[in-house]
Protein backbone atom coordinates (compact mmCIF):
# COMPACT_ATOMS: atom_id res chain seq x y z
CA MET A 1 11.04 -16.81 106.46
CA LEU A 2 12.71 -13.40 106.46
CA ALA A 3 14.02 -12.14 103.13
CA VAL A 4 17.78 -12.33 102.65
CA ILE A 5 19.08 -8.76 102.37
CA GLU A 6 22.58 -8.30 101.02
CA LYS A 7 24.88 -5.59 99.76
CA ALA A 8 25.03 -5.78 95.97
CA GLU A 9 26.55 -3.82 93.14
CA GLY A 10 24.86 -0.43 93.06
CA GLY A 11 22.92 -0.95 96.30
CA TYR A 12 21.27 -3.91 98.00
CA THR A 13 19.14 -6.91 97.12
CA ALA A 14 16.29 -8.41 99.15
CA ARG A 15 15.46 -12.00 98.17
CA PHE A 16 12.16 -13.59 99.19
CA GLU A 17 11.66 -17.30 98.52
CA ARG A 18 8.44 -19.31 98.70
CA HIS A 19 7.68 -22.93 97.83
CA LEU A 20 4.03 -23.08 96.83
CA LYS A 21 1.77 -26.10 96.35
CA HIS A 22 0.34 -24.60 93.18
CA SER A 23 1.29 -24.68 89.51
CA VAL A 24 3.48 -22.06 87.90
CA GLU A 25 0.49 -21.05 85.75
CA GLU A 26 -1.74 -20.47 88.75
CA VAL A 27 0.86 -18.42 90.60
CA TRP A 28 1.58 -16.44 87.42
CA SER A 29 -2.11 -15.56 87.18
CA TRP A 30 -1.97 -13.99 90.66
CA LEU A 31 0.91 -11.80 89.49
CA THR A 32 -0.54 -10.75 86.14
CA GLU A 33 -4.36 -10.78 86.20
CA ASN A 34 -5.83 -7.55 87.51
CA GLU A 35 -8.81 -9.15 89.28
CA LYS A 36 -6.38 -11.34 91.26
CA LEU A 37 -3.78 -8.60 91.76
CA ALA A 38 -6.50 -6.49 93.41
CA GLN A 39 -6.95 -9.16 96.08
CA TRP A 40 -3.36 -9.03 97.32
CA PHE A 41 -2.11 -5.55 96.27
CA ASN A 42 -5.05 -3.24 95.75
CA GLU A 43 -3.02 -0.36 94.26
CA LEU A 44 -1.12 -2.43 91.68
CA ARG A 45 -2.46 -3.30 88.21
CA VAL A 46 -1.15 -4.50 84.88
CA GLY A 47 -1.28 -1.72 82.31
CA ASP A 48 0.43 -3.33 79.31
CA LEU A 49 1.77 -6.84 79.98
CA GLN A 50 4.83 -7.06 77.74
CA LYS A 51 8.52 -6.23 77.90
CA GLY A 52 8.58 -2.46 77.50
CA GLY A 53 5.01 -2.28 78.81
CA TYR A 54 4.04 -1.11 82.27
CA MET A 55 2.41 -1.85 85.58
CA LYS A 56 0.18 0.81 87.12
CA PHE A 57 0.29 1.97 90.72
CA ASN A 58 -2.85 3.83 91.77
CA MET A 59 -1.90 6.79 93.96
CA PRO A 60 -4.10 8.02 96.83
CA ASP A 61 -4.96 11.21 94.89
CA GLY A 62 -6.59 9.20 92.07
CA THR A 63 -3.68 9.46 89.64
CA PHE A 64 -1.44 6.55 88.75
CA GLU A 65 2.26 5.99 88.21
CA GLU A 66 3.49 3.83 85.35
CA LEU A 67 6.13 1.32 86.40
CA SER A 68 8.11 0.09 83.38
CA ILE A 69 8.26 -3.64 82.72
CA TYR A 70 11.93 -4.53 82.10
CA GLU A 71 11.60 -8.29 81.64
CA LEU A 72 8.66 -10.54 80.88
CA GLU A 73 8.69 -14.24 80.15
CA ALA A 74 5.24 -15.80 80.55
CA ASN A 75 4.98 -18.12 83.55
CA ALA A 76 8.62 -17.43 84.45
CA VAL A 77 9.78 -13.80 84.92
CA LEU A 78 8.13 -10.46 85.62
CA GLU A 79 10.48 -7.56 86.39
CA PHE A 80 9.41 -3.95 86.69
CA SER A 81 10.54 -0.62 88.10
CA TRP A 82 9.58 0.26 91.64
CA TRP A 83 10.46 3.94 91.50
CA ALA A 84 14.25 4.06 92.20
CA ASP A 85 14.26 0.30 92.80
CA THR A 86 13.33 -2.81 90.80
CA VAL A 87 11.04 -5.73 91.64
CA CYS A 88 11.43 -9.13 89.98
CA PHE A 89 9.28 -12.25 90.35
CA GLU A 90 10.76 -15.53 89.12
CA LEU A 91 8.79 -18.79 88.95
CA SER A 92 10.07 -22.31 88.40
CA GLN A 93 8.33 -25.67 88.44
CA GLU A 94 8.93 -28.00 91.38
CA SER A 95 7.67 -31.55 91.90
CA ALA A 96 5.02 -30.43 94.41
CA GLY A 97 4.15 -27.07 92.84
CA CYS A 98 6.45 -24.16 92.14
CA GLN A 99 9.15 -21.98 93.59
CA LEU A 100 8.51 -18.24 93.71
CA ILE A 101 11.51 -16.01 94.20
CA MET A 102 10.98 -12.29 94.46
CA PHE A 103 13.88 -9.87 94.37
CA GLU A 104 13.77 -6.22 95.23
CA LYS A 105 16.87 -4.42 94.02
CA LEU A 106 17.29 -1.45 96.34
CA ALA A 107 19.31 1.62 95.39
CA GLU A 108 19.75 2.36 99.10
CA ILE A 109 18.44 1.43 102.52
CA THR A 110 16.21 4.20 103.88
CA ASP A 111 13.84 4.53 106.84
CA HIS A 112 11.07 3.43 104.45
CA THR A 113 12.84 0.22 103.32
CA PRO A 114 11.66 -1.96 106.26
CA LYS A 115 8.06 -0.87 105.54
CA ASP A 116 8.35 -1.93 101.88
CA LEU A 117 10.05 -5.21 102.75
CA ALA A 118 7.41 -6.06 105.36
CA GLY A 119 4.75 -5.15 102.79
CA TRP A 120 6.20 -7.45 100.13
CA HIS A 121 6.62 -10.22 102.71
CA VAL A 122 2.96 -10.01 103.70
CA CYS A 123 1.84 -9.74 100.05
CA LEU A 124 3.61 -13.00 99.23
CA ASP A 125 1.99 -14.65 102.27
CA VAL A 126 -1.40 -13.31 101.17
CA ILE A 127 -0.99 -14.74 97.64
CA GLU A 128 -0.27 -18.16 99.13
CA ALA A 129 -3.18 -17.90 101.58
CA LEU A 130 -5.61 -16.88 98.83
CA MET A 131 -4.57 -19.82 96.67
CA ASP A 132 -4.95 -22.11 99.70
CA GLY A 133 -8.41 -20.69 100.55
CA ARG A 134 -7.19 -19.04 103.77
CA THR A 135 -7.14 -15.46 105.00
CA ILE A 136 -4.44 -13.49 106.79
CA GLU A 137 -4.81 -10.54 109.14
CA ARG A 138 -2.60 -8.29 107.06
CA MET A 139 -1.99 -5.42 109.47
CA GLU A 140 -1.05 -7.69 112.37
CA GLU A 141 1.30 -9.65 110.12
CA TRP A 142 2.76 -6.45 108.69
CA LYS A 143 3.51 -5.06 112.18
CA LYS A 144 5.29 -8.28 113.16
CA TRP A 145 7.40 -8.39 110.00
CA TYR A 146 8.09 -4.65 110.00
CA GLU A 147 9.89 -4.97 113.34
CA LYS A 148 12.00 -7.85 111.99
CA TYR A 149 12.90 -5.98 108.80
CA LYS A 150 13.69 -2.85 110.77
CA GLU A 151 16.20 -4.87 112.80
CA ALA A 152 17.64 -6.54 109.70
CA ALA A 153 18.04 -3.23 107.82
CA GLY A 154 19.61 -1.67 110.89
CA ARG A 155 22.17 -4.46 111.19
CA LEU A 156 23.00 -4.20 107.50
CA THR A 157 23.54 -0.44 107.50
CA GLN A 158 25.57 -0.58 110.75
CA SER A 159 27.93 -3.13 109.22
CA GLN A 160 28.66 -0.92 106.20
């Protein structure tokens, strides 16, 4: 399902929602354990997992950027900076597993926004597939979702 992208105070919000057949603790481990993070987002790592700590983004030149952790509640909330934007994962228990909601708070919609949104969309699908013991052809999926997010972002900016 396509993320819901809406105008919000100070910019925009993209909201991704997934209902997973796995426990909150298992999903949390895929968001916060570096060996699991590497399987769905190779450049992203936990640097210091605490409020006020940081995530690390490995840049192509071998350096890394520190992304500040704004909120952290074990097995529930992980929010961190994403350069000018903010990413937040929220988990809650459901009878058949858990709900994962991911928000990206966007300062503005740019030409790069649909690429990021398609990337997050595929990352969430990859997490679910890995937990289910499946694989996903990431680039094919990304291309499909990129076109859809490009259309969605275009409609949103045209209506402003």
